[in-house]
Amino acid sequence: TPVFTMSQFSSDAVPSGAISSDATPSDTTPSNATPSDALLPSADPPIQIQVNGELKICAPQTNLPQLLTQLGLNPRLLAVEYNGEILHRQFWDSTQMQPDDRLEIVTIVGGGTETRL
């Protein structure tokens, strides 16, 4: 199930099954959608979450590693703050996205200046 940013949507063209910025929960599936157009395999509507300050849409019950992969990120190189708390990696698989969750994702970068002795 794909993750969409709210900025990817214009008011004229909204991908099938996605929520536009002015949508309400009852607007989650376009009237012309067919089962193959559905964003989700279940009848559950997509949920909105916030990632680094941007609104995103994902399937309910998406776990954190799935979300990171859908965002095109390498989970091995990340640290994640979930709803204001640093989330230890051992809890990532069991952490499922819920409506209005807030994530801050940072990339771990090595480096610095080289010191010669």
Protein backbone atom coordinates (compact mmCIF):
# COMPACT_ATOMS: atom_id res chain seq x y z
CA THR A 1 0.00 0.00 0.00
CA PRO A 2 1.56 3.28 -1.06
CA VAL A 3 2.15 6.33 1.08
CA PHE A 4 1.21 9.67 -0.41
CA THR A 5 2.15 13.18 0.60
CA MET A 6 -0.65 15.70 0.71
CA SER A 7 1.39 17.94 -1.59
CA GLN A 8 1.25 15.28 -4.32
CA PHE A 9 -2.45 15.92 -4.75
CA SER A 10 -4.06 18.76 -6.62
CA SER A 11 -7.72 19.59 -6.21
CA ASP A 12 -8.34 18.35 -9.76
CA ALA A 13 -6.61 15.00 -9.73
CA VAL A 14 -6.57 12.68 -6.75
CA PRO A 15 -5.21 9.13 -7.12
CA SER A 16 -7.83 6.41 -6.73
CA GLY A 17 -8.43 5.60 -3.10
CA ALA A 18 -6.34 8.51 -1.81
CA ILE A 19 -7.54 11.33 0.40
CA SER A 20 -7.27 14.86 -0.90
CA SER A 21 -6.49 17.71 1.44
CA ASP A 22 -10.17 18.68 1.61
CA ALA A 23 -11.52 15.15 1.97
CA THR A 24 -13.50 13.84 4.89
CA PRO A 25 -13.33 10.21 6.07
CA SER A 26 -16.41 9.35 4.01
CA ASP A 27 -14.67 10.66 0.86
CA THR A 28 -11.86 8.11 0.89
CA THR A 29 -12.95 6.12 -2.16
CA PRO A 30 -14.00 7.82 -5.40
CA SER A 31 -17.46 6.87 -6.67
CA ASN A 32 -15.95 5.46 -9.87
CA ALA A 33 -13.44 3.22 -8.03
CA THR A 34 -13.37 -0.48 -8.76
CA PRO A 35 -11.89 -3.15 -6.49
CA SER A 36 -8.64 -3.06 -8.47
CA ASP A 37 -8.40 0.72 -7.89
CA ALA A 38 -8.63 0.40 -4.11
CA LEU A 39 -5.70 1.72 -2.09
CA LEU A 40 -6.30 -0.87 0.61
CA PRO A 41 -7.09 -4.55 0.39
CA SER A 42 -9.57 -4.15 3.25
CA ALA A 43 -12.54 -1.84 3.65
CA ASP A 44 -10.64 0.32 6.13
CA PRO A 45 -10.07 3.87 4.87
CA PRO A 46 -6.53 5.28 4.67
CA ILE A 47 -5.26 7.27 7.63
CA GLN A 48 -3.38 10.55 7.87
CA ILE A 49 -0.10 10.76 9.73
CA GLN A 50 2.54 13.45 9.98
CA VAL A 51 6.13 12.68 8.95
CA ASN A 52 8.72 15.41 9.53
CA GLY A 53 5.94 17.99 9.52
CA GLU A 54 4.31 16.81 6.25
CA LEU A 55 0.93 15.11 6.06
CA LYS A 56 1.11 11.60 4.63
CA ILE A 57 -1.53 8.97 3.87
CA CYS A 58 -1.03 5.28 4.59
CA ALA A 59 -3.01 2.14 5.22
CA PRO A 60 -4.17 1.53 8.76
CA GLN A 61 -2.09 -1.08 10.57
CA THR A 62 1.03 -0.22 8.51
CA ASN A 63 3.98 -1.02 10.74
CA LEU A 64 6.97 1.30 11.00
CA PRO A 65 9.40 -0.70 8.82
CA GLN A 66 6.75 -0.93 6.08
CA LEU A 67 6.17 2.82 6.24
CA LEU A 68 9.89 3.58 6.07
CA THR A 69 10.29 1.31 3.05
CA GLN A 70 7.26 2.89 1.35
CA LEU A 71 8.86 6.29 1.91
CA GLY A 72 11.99 5.03 0.11
CA LEU A 73 14.14 5.11 3.25
CA ASN A 74 16.71 2.59 4.42
CA PRO A 75 15.59 1.66 7.96
CA ARG A 76 19.16 0.67 8.94
CA LEU A 77 20.31 4.29 8.69
CA LEU A 78 17.49 5.99 10.60
CA ALA A 79 16.42 7.12 14.04
CA VAL A 80 12.69 7.62 14.63
CA GLU A 81 10.79 9.76 17.09
CA TYR A 82 7.22 8.47 17.39
CA ASN A 83 4.67 10.80 18.98
CA GLY A 84 7.37 12.70 20.84
CA GLU A 85 9.40 9.71 22.08
CA ILE A 86 12.51 8.12 20.57
CA LEU A 87 11.39 4.67 19.47
CA HIS A 88 13.92 1.91 20.12
CA ARG A 89 14.46 -0.32 17.10
CA GLN A 90 13.23 -3.43 18.96
CA PHE A 91 9.70 -1.92 18.93
CA TRP A 92 9.59 -0.94 15.24
CA ASP A 93 7.93 -4.15 13.97
CA SER A 94 5.16 -3.95 16.55
CA THR A 95 4.50 -0.22 16.07
CA GLN A 96 1.50 0.25 13.78
CA MET A 97 0.54 3.63 12.38
CA GLN A 98 -2.58 5.17 13.89
CA PRO A 99 -4.52 8.24 12.72
CA ASP A 100 -2.72 11.50 13.55
CA ASP A 101 0.56 9.84 14.58
CA ARG A 102 3.55 12.20 14.43
CA LEU A 103 6.93 10.91 13.32
CA GLU A 104 10.25 12.66 13.07
CA ILE A 105 12.70 10.65 11.02
CA VAL A 106 16.38 11.52 10.90
CA THR A 107 19.19 9.95 8.91
CA ILE A 108 22.27 8.83 10.78
CA VAL A 109 25.30 10.43 9.18
CA GLY A 110 28.88 9.58 10.01
CA GLY A 111 31.65 11.99 9.40
CA GLY A 112 33.45 14.88 10.87
CA THR A 113 36.83 16.34 10.24
CA GLU A 114 39.94 14.28 9.83
CA THR A 115 42.62 14.91 12.42
CA ARG A 116 46.20 14.09 11.52
CA LEU A 117 48.69 13.43 14.24
